[in-house]
């Protein structure tokens, strides 16, 4: 490969990188209009809740593989929660976690503690 071919590849790579950044910024703007937005390691996510307050959805935004939409959906049953994690793989099934309010509170406390300890 000669110098002009390397330079052409480098320019093509930089153009793809710039386009990816533009898509990520567009996704962030769109997500910000539709609920609380999180961004970490180039992945954008947003939380959407229904008007009745009994269903919450974490949606994938920029940075995720095309076709990935809902990451997690939590429904308040009146006695606890059902968390649904759809699978986007042909080798894994969807995952459901059912817990009453006290179990959800225990999980929240432990996850908050783990987050606090590991984010130092």
PDB file of N, CA and C in Angstrom:
ATOM      1  N   UNK A   1       0.849  -1.166   0.000  1.00  0.00           N
ATOM      2  CA  UNK A   1       0.000   0.000   0.000  1.00  0.00           C
ATOM      3  C   UNK A   1       0.901   1.238   0.000  1.00  0.00           C
ATOM      4  N   UNK A   2       0.627   2.155  -0.929  1.00  0.00           N
ATOM      5  CA  UNK A   2       1.462   3.342  -0.995  1.00  0.00           C
ATOM      6  C   UNK A   2       0.877   4.473  -0.133  1.00  0.00           C
ATOM      7  N   UNK A   3       1.596   5.547  -0.062  1.00  0.00           N
ATOM      8  CA  UNK A   3       1.229   6.662   0.817  1.00  0.00           C
ATOM      9  C   UNK A   3      -0.121   7.273   0.441  1.00  0.00           C
ATOM     10  N   UNK A   4      -0.430   7.398  -0.821  1.00  0.00           N
ATOM     11  CA  UNK A   4      -1.700   7.997  -1.241  1.00  0.00           C
ATOM     12  C   UNK A   4      -2.888   7.083  -0.887  1.00  0.00           C
ATOM     13  N   UNK A   5      -2.686   5.761  -0.956  1.00  0.00           N
ATOM     14  CA  UNK A   5      -3.746   4.830  -0.567  1.00  0.00           C
ATOM     15  C   UNK A   5      -4.004   4.891   0.937  1.00  0.00           C
ATOM     16  N   UNK A   6      -2.936   4.985   1.707  1.00  0.00           N
ATOM     17  CA  UNK A   6      -3.074   5.101   3.166  1.00  0.00           C
ATOM     18  C   UNK A   6      -3.799   6.390   3.518  1.00  0.00           C
ATOM     19  N   UNK A   7      -3.425   7.478   2.864  1.00  0.00           N
ATOM     20  CA  UNK A   7      -4.081   8.766   3.112  1.00  0.00           C
ATOM     21  C   UNK A   7      -5.561   8.703   2.741  1.00  0.00           C
ATOM     22  N   UNK A   8      -5.903   8.052   1.652  1.00  0.00           N
ATOM     23  CA  UNK A   8      -7.301   7.907   1.235  1.00  0.00           C
ATOM     24  C   UNK A   8      -8.090   7.088   2.256  1.00  0.00           C
ATOM     25  N   UNK A   9      -7.505   6.015   2.762  1.00  0.00           N
ATOM     26  CA  UNK A   9      -8.163   5.210   3.801  1.00  0.00           C
ATOM     27  C   UNK A   9      -8.365   6.016   5.077  1.00  0.00           C
ATOM     28  N   UNK A  10      -7.356   6.775   5.439  1.00  0.00           N
ATOM     29  CA  UNK A  10      -7.452   7.596   6.644  1.00  0.00           C
ATOM     30  C   UNK A  10      -8.582   8.620   6.503  1.00  0.00           C
ATOM     31  N   UNK A  11      -8.683   9.271   5.346  1.00  0.00           N
ATOM     32  CA  UNK A  11      -9.746  10.256   5.108  1.00  0.00           C
ATOM     33  C   UNK A  11     -11.130   9.594   5.178  1.00  0.00           C
ATOM     34  N   UNK A  12     -11.239   8.414   4.591  1.00  0.00           N
ATOM     35  CA  UNK A  12     -12.505   7.676   4.628  1.00  0.00           C
ATOM     36  C   UNK A  12     -12.883   7.331   6.075  1.00  0.00           C
ATOM     37  N   UNK A  13     -11.903   6.879   6.848  1.00  0.00           N
ATOM     38  CA  UNK A  13     -12.125   6.550   8.259  1.00  0.00           C
ATOM     39  C   UNK A  13     -12.588   7.784   9.030  1.00  0.00           C
ATOM     40  N   UNK A  14     -11.944   8.915   8.801  1.00  0.00           N
ATOM     41  CA  UNK A  14     -12.312  10.152   9.493  1.00  0.00           C
ATOM     42  C   UNK A  14     -13.726  10.606   9.104  1.00  0.00           C
ATOM     43  N   UNK A  15     -14.111  10.423   7.862  1.00  0.00           N
ATOM     44  CA  UNK A  15     -15.461  10.781   7.420  1.00  0.00           C
ATOM     45  C   UNK A  15     -16.503   9.908   8.102  1.00  0.00           C
ATOM     46  N   UNK A  16     -16.236   8.607   8.219  1.00  0.00           N
ATOM     47  CA  UNK A  16     -17.152   7.695   8.905  1.00  0.00           C
ATOM     48  C   UNK A  16     -17.267   8.075  10.375  1.00  0.00           C
ATOM     49  N   UNK A  17     -16.143   8.408  11.010  1.00  0.00           N
ATOM     50  CA  UNK A  17     -16.135   8.807  12.414  1.00  0.00           C
ATOM     51  C   UNK A  17     -16.953  10.079  12.619  1.00  0.00           C
ATOM     52  N   UNK A  18     -16.795  11.058  11.741  1.00  0.00           N
ATOM     53  CA  UNK A  18     -17.562  12.306  11.844  1.00  0.00           C
ATOM     54  C   UNK A  18     -19.054  12.039  11.677  1.00  0.00           C
ATOM     55  N   UNK A  19     -19.421  11.180  10.731  1.00  0.00           N
ATOM     56  CA  UNK A  19     -20.822  10.830  10.514  1.00  0.00           C
ATOM     57  C   UNK A  19     -21.394  10.148  11.754  1.00  0.00           C
ATOM     58  N   UNK A  20     -20.620   9.243  12.372  1.00  0.00           N
ATOM     59  CA  UNK A  20     -21.069   8.553  13.588  1.00  0.00           C
ATOM     60  C   UNK A  20     -21.316   9.541  14.718  1.00  0.00           C
ATOM     61  N   UNK A  21     -20.438  10.513  14.850  1.00  0.00           N
ATOM     62  CA  UNK A  21     -20.622  11.545  15.886  1.00  0.00           C
ATOM     63  C   UNK A  21     -21.890  12.348  15.640  1.00  0.00           C
ATOM     64  N   UNK A  22     -22.152  12.694  14.381  1.00  0.00           N
ATOM     65  CA  UNK A  22     -23.376  13.429  14.049  1.00  0.00           C
ATOM     66  C   UNK A  22     -24.619  12.624  14.427  1.00  0.00           C
ATOM     67  N   UNK A  23     -24.616  11.327  14.101  1.00  0.00           N
ATOM     68  CA  UNK A  23     -25.752  10.467  14.452  1.00  0.00           C
ATOM     69  C   UNK A  23     -25.947  10.397  15.956  1.00  0.00           C
ATOM     70  N   UNK A  24     -24.859  10.300  16.709  1.00  0.00           N
ATOM     71  CA  UNK A  24     -24.935  10.239  18.164  1.00  0.00           C
ATOM     72  C   UNK A  24     -25.524  11.532  18.724  1.00  0.00           C
ATOM     73  N   UNK A  25     -25.099  12.678  18.199  1.00  0.00           N
ATOM     74  CA  UNK A  25     -25.627  13.959  18.667  1.00  0.00           C
ATOM     75  C   UNK A  25     -27.122  14.091  18.345  1.00  0.00           C
ATOM     76  N   UNK A  26     -27.530  13.659  17.151  1.00  0.00           N
ATOM     77  CA  UNK A  26     -28.948  13.683  16.786  1.00  0.00           C
ATOM     78  C   UNK A  26     -29.762  12.804  17.729  1.00  0.00           C
ATOM     79  N   UNK A  27     -29.238  11.645  18.048  1.00  0.00           N
ATOM     80  CA  UNK A  27     -29.925  10.719  18.941  1.00  0.00           C
ATOM     81  C   UNK A  27     -30.063  11.323  20.330  1.00  0.00           C
ATOM     82  N   UNK A  28     -29.027  12.012  20.802  1.00  0.00           N
ATOM     83  CA  UNK A  28     -29.092  12.653  22.123  1.00  0.00           C
ATOM     84  C   UNK A  28     -30.182  13.721  22.144  1.00  0.00           C
ATOM     85  N   UNK A  29     -30.249  14.537  21.079  1.00  0.00           N
ATOM     86  CA  UNK A  29     -31.269  15.589  21.026  1.00  0.00           C
ATOM     87  C   UNK A  29     -32.666  14.988  21.014  1.00  0.00           C
ATOM     88  N   UNK A  30     -32.872  13.949  20.209  1.00  0.00           N
ATOM     89  CA  UNK A  30     -34.173  13.282  20.130  1.00  0.00           C
ATOM     90  C   UNK A  30     -34.540  12.660  21.467  1.00  0.00           C
ATOM     91  N   UNK A  31     -33.579  12.029  22.110  1.00  0.00           N
ATOM     92  CA  UNK A  31     -33.825  11.388  23.397  1.00  0.00           C
ATOM     93  C   UNK A  31     -34.173  12.418  24.463  1.00  0.00           C
ATOM     94  N   UNK A  32     -33.506  13.559  24.458  1.00  0.00           N
ATOM     95  CA  UNK A  32     -33.752  14.587  25.469  1.00  0.00           C
ATOM     96  C   UNK A  32     -35.180  15.113  25.401  1.00  0.00           C
ATOM     97  N   UNK A  33     -35.782  15.076  24.225  1.00  0.00           N
ATOM     98  CA  UNK A  33     -37.151  15.549  24.074  1.00  0.00           C
ATOM     99  C   UNK A  33     -38.165  14.550  24.619  1.00  0.00           C
ATOM    100  N   UNK A  34     -37.765  13.295  24.826  1.00  0.00           N
ATOM    101  CA  UNK A  34     -38.711  12.237  25.166  1.00  0.00           C
ATOM    102  C   UNK A  34     -38.546  11.654  26.557  1.00  0.00           C
ATOM    103  N   UNK A  35     -37.769  12.236  27.461  1.00  0.00           N
ATOM    104  CA  UNK A  35     -37.611  11.697  28.802  1.00  0.00           C
ATOM    105  C   UNK A  35     -36.203  11.891  29.312  1.00  0.00           C
ATOM    106  N   UNK A  36     -35.925  11.359  30.503  1.00  0.00           N
ATOM    107  CA  UNK A  36     -34.598  11.481  31.094  1.00  0.00           C
ATOM    108  C   UNK A  36     -33.580  10.713  30.259  1.00  0.00           C
ATOM    109  N   UNK A  37     -32.411  11.329  30.043  1.00  0.00           N
ATOM    110  CA  UNK A  37     -31.414  10.770  29.142  1.00  0.00           C
ATOM    111  C   UNK A  37     -30.153  10.405  29.920  1.00  0.00           C
ATOM    112  N   UNK A  38     -29.572   9.260  29.570  1.00  0.00           N
ATOM    113  CA  UNK A  38     -28.305   8.813  30.132  1.00  0.00           C
ATOM    114  C   UNK A  38     -27.341   8.566  28.992  1.00  0.00           C
ATOM    115  N   UNK A  39     -26.065   8.909  29.220  1.00  0.00           N
ATOM    116  CA  UNK A  39     -25.044   8.594  28.230  1.00  0.00           C
ATOM    117  C   UNK A  39     -23.817   8.058  28.945  1.00  0.00           C
ATOM    118  N   UNK A  40     -23.319   6.932  28.464  1.00  0.00           N
ATOM    119  CA  UNK A  40     -22.120   6.336  29.037  1.00  0.00           C
ATOM    120  C   UNK A  40     -21.413   5.551  27.944  1.00  0.00           C
ATOM    121  N   UNK A  41     -20.142   5.788  27.792  1.00  0.00           N
ATOM    122  CA  UNK A  41     -19.317   5.080  26.807  1.00  0.00           C
ATOM    123  C   UNK A  41     -19.907   5.116  25.401  1.00  0.00           C
ATOM    124  N   UNK A  42     -20.472   6.259  25.017  1.00  0.00           N
ATOM    125  CA  UNK A  42     -21.009   6.411  23.671  1.00  0.00           C
ATOM    126  C   UNK A  42     -22.383   5.807  23.454  1.00  0.00           C
ATOM    127  N   UNK A  43     -22.984   5.253  24.510  1.00  0.00           N
ATOM    128  CA  UNK A  43     -24.312   4.665  24.415  1.00  0.00           C
ATOM    129  C   UNK A  43     -25.314   5.654  25.017  1.00  0.00           C
ATOM    130  N   UNK A  44     -26.403   5.894  24.318  1.00  0.00           N
ATOM    131  CA  UNK A  44     -27.430   6.821  24.783  1.00  0.00           C
ATOM    132  C   UNK A  44     -28.685   6.030  25.123  1.00  0.00           C
ATOM    133  N   UNK A  45     -29.267   6.333  26.275  1.00  0.00           N
ATOM    134  CA  UNK A  45     -30.500   5.668  26.715  1.00  0.00           C
ATOM    135  C   UNK A  45     -31.454   6.732  27.244  1.00  0.00           C
ATOM    136  N   UNK A  46     -32.746   6.443  27.192  1.00  0.00           N
ATOM    137  CA  UNK A  46     -33.722   7.370  27.764  1.00  0.00           C
ATOM    138  C   UNK A  46     -34.823   6.588  28.467  1.00  0.00           C
ATOM    139  N   UNK A  47     -35.380   7.215  29.502  1.00  0.00           N
ATOM    140  CA  UNK A  47     -36.485   6.612  30.244  1.00  0.00           C
ATOM    141  C   UNK A  47     -37.771   7.288  29.819  1.00  0.00           C
ATOM    142  N   UNK A  48     -38.770   6.475  29.551  1.00  0.00           N
ATOM    143  CA  UNK A  48     -40.097   6.971  29.185  1.00  0.00           C
ATOM    144  C   UNK A  48     -41.081   6.382  30.177  1.00  0.00           C
ATOM    145  N   UNK A  49     -41.955   7.232  30.725  1.00  0.00           N
ATOM    146  CA  UNK A  49     -43.011   6.674  31.575  1.00  0.00           C
ATOM    147  C   UNK A  49     -44.359   7.038  30.993  1.00  0.00           C
ATOM    148  N   UNK A  50     -45.331   6.165  31.250  1.00  0.00           N
ATOM    149  CA  UNK A  50     -46.667   6.428  30.720  1.00  0.00           C
ATOM    150  C   UNK A  50     -47.351   7.471  31.599  1.00  0.00           C
ATOM    151  N   UNK A  51     -48.445   8.006  31.127  1.00  0.00           N
ATOM    152  CA  UNK A  51     -49.157   9.058  31.847  1.00  0.00           C
ATOM    153  C   UNK A  51     -49.764   8.576  33.157  1.00  0.00           C
ATOM    154  N   UNK A  52     -50.016   7.284  33.274  1.00  0.00           N
ATOM    155  CA  UNK A  52     -50.645   6.742  34.478  1.00  0.00           C
ATOM    156  C   UNK A  52     -49.620   6.428  35.563  1.00  0.00           C
ATOM    157  N   UNK A  53     -48.347   6.389  35.231  1.00  0.00           N
ATOM    158  CA  UNK A  53     -47.300   6.153  36.219  1.00  0.00           C
ATOM    159  C   UNK A  53     -47.138   4.709  36.644  1.00  0.00           C
ATOM    160  N   UNK A  54     -47.628   3.752  35.854  1.00  0.00           N
ATOM    161  CA  UNK A  54     -47.469   2.353  36.255  1.00  0.00           C
ATOM    162  C   UNK A  54     -46.593   1.551  35.293  1.00  0.00           C
ATOM    163  N   UNK A  55     -45.983   2.225  34.323  1.00  0.00           N
ATOM    164  CA  UNK A  55     -45.110   1.540  33.380  1.00  0.00           C
ATOM    165  C   UNK A  55     -43.961   2.474  33.001  1.00  0.00           C
ATOM    166  N   UNK A  56     -42.753   1.933  33.057  1.00  0.00           N
ATOM    167  CA  UNK A  56     -41.552   2.702  32.763  1.00  0.00           C
ATOM    168  C   UNK A  56     -40.699   1.894  31.796  1.00  0.00           C
ATOM    169  N   UNK A  57     -40.148   2.565  30.784  1.00  0.00           N
ATOM    170  CA  UNK A  57     -39.388   1.872  29.743  1.00  0.00           C
ATOM    171  C   UNK A  57     -38.043   2.558  29.570  1.00  0.00           C
ATOM    172  N   UNK A  58     -36.980   1.757  29.529  1.00  0.00           N
ATOM    173  CA  UNK A  58     -35.655   2.255  29.199  1.00  0.00           C
ATOM    174  C   UNK A  58     -35.405   1.898  27.738  1.00  0.00           C
ATOM    175  N   UNK A  59     -35.283   2.933  26.902  1.00  0.00           N
ATOM    176  CA  UNK A  59     -35.123   2.751  25.455  1.00  0.00           C
ATOM    177  C   UNK A  59     -33.673   2.966  25.046  1.00  0.00           C
ATOM    178  N   UNK A  60     -33.234   2.201  24.073  1.00  0.00           N
ATOM    179  CA  UNK A  60     -31.899   2.366  23.502  1.00  0.00           C
ATOM    180  C   UNK A  60     -31.906   3.549  22.551  1.00  0.00           C
ATOM    181  N   UNK A  61     -30.810   4.266  22.532  1.00  0.00           N
ATOM    182  CA  UNK A  61     -30.650   5.386  21.612  1.00  0.00           C
ATOM    183  C   UNK A  61     -29.409   5.164  20.771  1.00  0.00           C
ATOM    184  N   UNK A  62     -28.694   6.249  20.509  1.00  0.00           N
ATOM    185  CA  UNK A  62     -27.490   6.174  19.694  1.00  0.00           C
ATOM    186  C   UNK A  62     -26.426   5.288  20.317  1.00  0.00           C
ATOM    187  N   UNK A  63     -25.703   4.607  19.486  1.00  0.00           N
ATOM    188  CA  UNK A  63     -24.610   3.761  19.939  1.00  0.00           C
ATOM    189  C   UNK A  63     -24.979   2.292  20.032  1.00  0.00           C
ATOM    190  N   UNK A  64     -26.275   1.989  20.031  1.00  0.00           N
ATOM    191  CA  UNK A  64     -26.709   0.594  20.101  1.00  0.00           C
ATOM    192  C   UNK A  64     -26.827  -0.004  18.698  1.00  0.00           C
ATOM    193  N   UNK A  65     -26.797  -1.304  18.631  1.00  0.00           N
ATOM    194  CA  UNK A  65     -26.961  -2.008  17.369  1.00  0.00           C
ATOM    195  C   UNK A  65     -28.331  -1.692  16.778  1.00  0.00           C
ATOM    196  N   UNK A  66     -28.426  -1.434  15.478  1.00  0.00           N
ATOM    197  CA  UNK A  66     -29.733  -1.202  14.866  1.00  0.00           C
ATOM    198  C   UNK A  66     -30.693  -2.364  15.172  1.00  0.00           C
ATOM    199  N   UNK A  67     -31.925  -2.021  15.490  1.00  0.00           N
ATOM    200  CA  UNK A  67     -32.924  -3.035  15.813  1.00  0.00           C
ATOM    201  C   UNK A  67     -33.133  -3.203  17.306  1.00  0.00           C
ATOM    202  N   UNK A  68     -32.169  -2.764  18.119  1.00  0.00           N
ATOM    203  CA  UNK A  68     -32.334  -2.822  19.573  1.00  0.00           C
ATOM    204  C   UNK A  68     -33.148  -1.609  19.983  1.00  0.00           C
ATOM    205  N   UNK A  69     -34.266  -1.840  20.662  1.00  0.00           N
ATOM    206  CA  UNK A  69     -35.178  -0.757  21.022  1.00  0.00           C
ATOM    207  C   UNK A  69     -35.358  -0.695  22.538  1.00  0.00           C
ATOM    208  N   UNK A  70     -36.224  -1.524  23.081  1.00  0.00           N
ATOM    209  CA  UNK A  70     -36.470  -1.532  24.519  1.00  0.00           C
ATOM    210  C   UNK A  70     -35.382  -2.335  25.216  1.00  0.00           C
ATOM    211  N   UNK A  71     -34.766  -1.730  26.241  1.00  0.00           N
ATOM    212  CA  UNK A  71     -33.751  -2.426  27.023  1.00  0.00           C
ATOM    213  C   UNK A  71     -34.372  -3.072  28.253  1.00  0.00           C
ATOM    214  N   UNK A  72     -35.319  -2.370  28.865  1.00  0.00           N
ATOM    215  CA  UNK A  72     -35.986  -2.875  30.064  1.00  0.00           C
ATOM    216  C   UNK A  72     -37.324  -2.157  30.202  1.00  0.00           C
ATOM    217  N   UNK A  73     -38.331  -2.895  30.633  1.00  0.00           N
ATOM    218  CA  UNK A  73     -39.642  -2.308  30.900  1.00  0.00           C
ATOM    219  C   UNK A  73     -40.089  -2.777  32.277  1.00  0.00           C
ATOM    220  N   UNK A  74     -40.479  -1.823  33.124  1.00  0.00           N
ATOM    221  CA  UNK A  74     -40.948  -2.156  34.475  1.00  0.00           C
ATOM    222  C   UNK A  74     -42.403  -1.744  34.593  1.00  0.00           C
ATOM    223  N   UNK A  75     -43.223  -2.683  35.055  1.00  0.00           N
ATOM    224  CA  UNK A  75     -44.648  -2.434  35.256  1.00  0.00           C
ATOM    225  C   UNK A  75     -44.978  -2.579  36.736  1.00  0.00           C
ATOM    226  N   UNK A  76     -45.698  -1.595  37.272  1.00  0.00           N
ATOM    227  CA  UNK A  76     -46.168  -1.638  38.656  1.00  0.00           C
ATOM    228  C   UNK A  76     -47.482  -2.397  38.661  1.00  0.00           C
ATOM    229  N   UNK A  77     -47.520  -3.524  39.368  1.00  0.00           N
ATOM    230  CA  UNK A  77     -48.709  -4.387  39.377  1.00  0.00           C
ATOM    231  C   UNK A  77     -49.709  -4.014  40.470  1.00  0.00           C
ATOM    232  N   UNK A  78     -49.330  -3.097  41.351  1.00  0.00           N
ATOM    233  CA  UNK A  78     -50.178  -2.765  42.491  1.00  0.00           C
ATOM    234  C   UNK A  78     -49.741  -3.503  43.747  1.00  0.00           C
ATOM    235  N   UNK A  79     -48.936  -4.542  43.574  1.00  0.00           N
ATOM    236  CA  UNK A  79     -48.399  -5.300  44.695  1.00  0.00           C
ATOM    237  C   UNK A  79     -46.883  -5.458  44.575  1.00  0.00           C
ATOM    238  N   UNK A  80     -46.324  -4.963  43.492  1.00  0.00           N
ATOM    239  CA  UNK A  80     -44.897  -5.090  43.231  1.00  0.00           C
ATOM    240  C   UNK A  80     -44.600  -4.710  41.801  1.00  0.00           C
ATOM    241  N   UNK A  81     -43.534  -5.260  41.273  1.00  0.00           N
ATOM    242  CA  UNK A  81     -43.093  -4.901  39.932  1.00  0.00           C
ATOM    243  C   UNK A  81     -42.772  -6.146  39.107  1.00  0.00           C
ATOM    244  N   UNK A  82     -42.968  -6.009  37.809  1.00  0.00           N
ATOM    245  CA  UNK A  82     -42.486  -6.995  36.846  1.00  0.00           C
ATOM    246  C   UNK A  82     -41.506  -6.265  35.943  1.00  0.00           C
ATOM    247  N   UNK A  83     -40.270  -6.744  35.941  1.00  0.00           N
ATOM    248  CA  UNK A  83     -39.247  -6.178  35.060  1.00  0.00           C
ATOM    249  C   UNK A  83     -39.072  -7.125  33.881  1.00  0.00           C
ATOM    250  N   UNK A  84     -39.134  -6.564  32.698  1.00  0.00           N
ATOM    251  CA  UNK A  84     -39.035  -7.337  31.455  1.00  0.00           C
ATOM    252  C   UNK A  84     -37.799  -6.872  30.695  1.00  0.00           C
ATOM    253  N   UNK A  85     -36.922  -7.824  30.359  1.00  0.00           N
ATOM    254  CA  UNK A  85     -35.716  -7.558  29.589  1.00  0.00           C
ATOM    255  C   UNK A  85     -35.801  -8.346  28.292  1.00  0.00           C
ATOM    256  N   UNK A  86     -36.166  -7.686  27.175  1.00  0.00           N
ATOM    257  CA  UNK A  86     -36.265  -8.423  25.906  1.00  0.00           C
ATOM    258  C   UNK A  86     -34.890  -8.853  25.411  1.00  0.00           C
ATOM    259  N   UNK A  87     -34.861  -9.994  24.761  1.00  0.00           N
ATOM    260  CA  UNK A  87     -33.623 -10.494  24.174  1.00  0.00           C
ATOM    261  C   UNK A  87     -33.599 -10.118  22.702  1.00  0.00           C
ATOM    262  N   UNK A  88     -32.454  -9.684  22.261  1.00  0.00           N
ATOM    263  CA  UNK A  88     -32.274  -9.390  20.840  1.00  0.00           C
ATOM    264  C   UNK A  88     -31.341 -10.412  20.218  1.00  0.00           C
ATOM    265  N   UNK A  89     -31.308 -11.585  20.832  1.00  0.00           N
ATOM    266  CA  UNK A  89     -30.428 -12.661  20.380  1.00  0.00           C
ATOM    267  C   UNK A  89     -31.270 -13.898  20.083  1.00  0.00           C
ATOM    268  N   UNK A  90     -30.872 -14.638  19.092  1.00  0.00           N
ATOM    269  CA  UNK A  90     -31.604 -15.860  18.763  1.00  0.00           C
ATOM    270  C   UNK A  90     -31.250 -17.003  19.712  1.00  0.00           C
ATOM    271  N   UNK A  91     -30.237 -16.809  20.535  1.00  0.00           N
ATOM    272  CA  UNK A  91     -29.800 -17.884  21.440  1.00  0.00           C
ATOM    273  C   UNK A  91     -30.188 -17.642  22.892  1.00  0.00           C
ATOM    274  N   UNK A  92     -30.847 -16.515  23.170  1.00  0.00           N
ATOM    275  CA  UNK A  92     -31.271 -16.224  24.544  1.00  0.00           C
ATOM    276  C   UNK A  92     -32.743 -15.856  24.543  1.00  0.00           C
ATOM    277  N   UNK A  93     -33.435 -16.232  25.593  1.00  0.00           N
ATOM    278  CA  UNK A  93     -34.851 -15.889  25.691  1.00  0.00           C
ATOM    279  C   UNK A  93     -35.023 -14.587  26.460  1.00  0.00           C
ATOM    280  N   UNK A  94     -36.204 -13.978  26.350  1.00  0.00           N
ATOM    281  CA  UNK A  94     -36.531 -12.798  27.131  1.00  0.00           C
ATOM    282  C   UNK A  94     -36.459 -13.161  28.611  1.00  0.00           C
ATOM    283  N   UNK A  95     -36.192 -12.168  29.447  1.00  0.00           N
ATOM    284  CA  UNK A  95     -36.056 -12.408  30.879  1.00  0.00           C
ATOM    285  C   UNK A  95     -37.088 -11.568  31.631  1.00  0.00           C
ATOM    286  N   UNK A  96     -37.772 -12.186  32.591  1.00  0.00           N
ATOM    287  CA  UNK A  96     -38.744 -11.505  33.441  1.00  0.00           C
ATOM    288  C   UNK A  96     -38.315 -11.662  34.895  1.00  0.00           C
ATOM    289  N   UNK A  97     -38.423 -10.595  35.657  1.00  0.00           N
ATOM    290  CA  UNK A  97     -38.172 -10.655  37.095  1.00  0.00           C
ATOM    291  C   UNK A  97     -39.401 -10.081  37.791  1.00  0.00           C
ATOM    292  N   UNK A  98     -40.009 -10.874  38.656  1.00  0.00           N
ATOM    293  CA  UNK A  98     -41.184 -10.445  39.416  1.00  0.00           C
ATOM    294  C   UNK A  98     -40.785 -10.287  40.874  1.00  0.00           C
ATOM    295  N   UNK A  99     -41.153  -9.154  41.492  1.00  0.00           N
ATOM    296  CA  UNK A  99     -40.823  -8.931  42.895  1.00  0.00           C
ATOM    297  C   UNK A  99     -41.872  -8.038  43.533  1.00  0.00           C
ATOM    298  N   UNK A 100     -42.127  -8.289  44.829  1.00  0.00           N
ATOM    299  CA  UNK A 100     -43.048  -7.409  45.530  1.00  0.00           C
ATOM    300  C   UNK A 100     -42.286  -6.134  45.924  1.00  0.00           C
ATOM    301  N   UNK A 101     -43.002  -5.171  46.517  1.00  0.00           N
ATOM    302  CA  UNK A 101     -42.376  -3.887  46.815  1.00  0.00           C
ATOM    303  C   UNK A 101     -41.185  -4.011  47.762  1.00  0.00           C
ATOM    304  N   UNK A 102     -41.277  -4.886  48.752  1.00  0.00           N
ATOM    305  CA  UNK A 102     -40.158  -5.018  49.699  1.00  0.00           C
ATOM    306  C   UNK A 102     -38.928  -5.605  49.001  1.00  0.00           C
ATOM    307  N   UNK A 103     -39.121  -6.590  48.143  1.00  0.00           N
ATOM    308  CA  UNK A 103     -37.989  -7.170  47.409  1.00  0.00           C
ATOM    309  C   UNK A 103     -37.352  -6.128  46.482  1.00  0.00           C
ATOM    310  N   UNK A 104     -38.181  -5.314  45.848  1.00  0.00           N
ATOM    311  CA  UNK A 104     -37.662  -4.259  44.974  1.00  0.00           C
ATOM    312  C   UNK A 104     -36.852  -3.252  45.796  1.00  0.00           C
ATOM    313  N   UNK A 105     -37.308  -2.955  46.999  1.00  0.00           N
ATOM    314  CA  UNK A 105     -36.582  -2.022  47.862  1.00  0.00           C
ATOM    315  C   UNK A 105     -35.245  -2.617  48.293  1.00  0.00           C
ATOM    316  N   UNK A 106     -35.215  -3.913  48.616  1.00  0.00           N
ATOM    317  CA  UNK A 106     -33.955  -4.566  48.981  1.00  0.00           C
ATOM    318  C   UNK A 106     -32.972  -4.491  47.811  1.00  0.00           C
ATOM    319  N   UNK A 107     -33.463  -4.774  46.619  1.00  0.00           N
ATOM    320  CA  UNK A 107     -32.621  -4.741  45.429  1.00  0.00           C
ATOM    321  C   UNK A 107     -32.100  -3.325  45.177  1.00  0.00           C
ATOM    322  N   UNK A 108     -32.978  -2.334  45.323  1.00  0.00           N
ATOM    323  CA  UNK A 108     -32.577  -0.933  45.135  1.00  0.00           C
ATOM    324  C   UNK A 108     -31.457  -0.564  46.092  1.00  0.00           C
ATOM    325  N   UNK A 109     -31.597  -0.942  47.367  1.00  0.00           N
ATOM    326  CA  UNK A 109     -30.577  -0.615  48.369  1.00  0.00           C
ATOM    327  C   UNK A 109     -29.241  -1.271  48.040  1.00  0.00           C
ATOM    328  N   UNK A 110     -29.282  -2.550  47.658  1.00  0.00           N
ATOM    329  CA  UNK A 110     -28.035  -3.242  47.332  1.00  0.00           C
ATOM    330  C   UNK A 110     -27.374  -2.678  46.076  1.00  0.00           C
ATOM    331  N   UNK A 111     -28.167  -2.376  45.062  1.00  0.00           N
ATOM    332  CA  UNK A 111     -27.592  -1.810  43.835  1.00  0.00           C
ATOM    333  C   UNK A 111     -27.012  -0.419  44.086  1.00  0.00           C
ATOM    334  N   UNK A 112     -27.682   0.387  44.921  1.00  0.00           N
ATOM    335  CA  UNK A 112     -27.150   1.708  45.270  1.00  0.00           C
ATOM    336  C   UNK A 112     -25.824   1.570  46.012  1.00  0.00           C
ATOM    337  N   UNK A 113     -25.747   0.608  46.922  1.00  0.00           N
ATOM    338  CA  UNK A 113     -24.510   0.367  47.664  1.00  0.00           C
ATOM    339  C   UNK A 113     -23.390  -0.083  46.724  1.00  0.00           C
ATOM    340  N   UNK A 114     -23.686  -1.018  45.847  1.00  0.00           N
ATOM    341  CA  UNK A 114     -22.687  -1.508  44.896  1.00  0.00           C
ATOM    342  C   UNK A 114     -22.202  -0.375  43.992  1.00  0.00           C
ATOM    343  N   UNK A 115     -23.146   0.438  43.511  1.00  0.00           N
ATOM    344  CA  UNK A 115     -22.790   1.572  42.655  1.00  0.00           C
ATOM    345  C   UNK A 115     -21.874   2.539  43.394  1.00  0.00           C
ATOM    346  N   UNK A 116     -22.212   2.822  44.630  1.00  0.00           N
ATOM    347  CA  UNK A 116     -21.421   3.753  45.444  1.00  0.00           C
ATOM    348  C   UNK A 116     -19.996   3.220  45.626  1.00  0.00           C
ATOM    349  N   UNK A 117     -19.867   1.929  45.924  1.00  0.00           N
ATOM    350  CA  UNK A 117     -18.548   1.333  46.156  1.00  0.00           C
ATOM    351  C   UNK A 117     -17.716   1.227  44.891  1.00  0.00           C
ATOM    352  N   UNK A 118     -18.347   0.953  43.780  1.00  0.00           N
ATOM    353  CA  UNK A 118     -17.578   0.724  42.547  1.00  0.00           C
ATOM    354  C   UNK A 118     -17.336   1.977  41.740  1.00  0.00           C
ATOM    355  N   UNK A 119     -17.986   3.077  42.060  1.00  0.00           N
ATOM    356  CA  UNK A 119     -17.804   4.309  41.273  1.00  0.00           C
ATOM    357  C   UNK A 119     -16.825   5.268  41.920  1.00  0.00           C
ATOM    358  N   UNK A 120     -16.040   4.791  42.864  1.00  0.00           N
ATOM    359  CA  UNK A 120     -15.033   5.658  43.528  1.00  0.00           C
ATOM    360  C   UNK A 120     -13.832   5.849  42.648  1.00  0.00           C
TER     361      UNK A 120
END
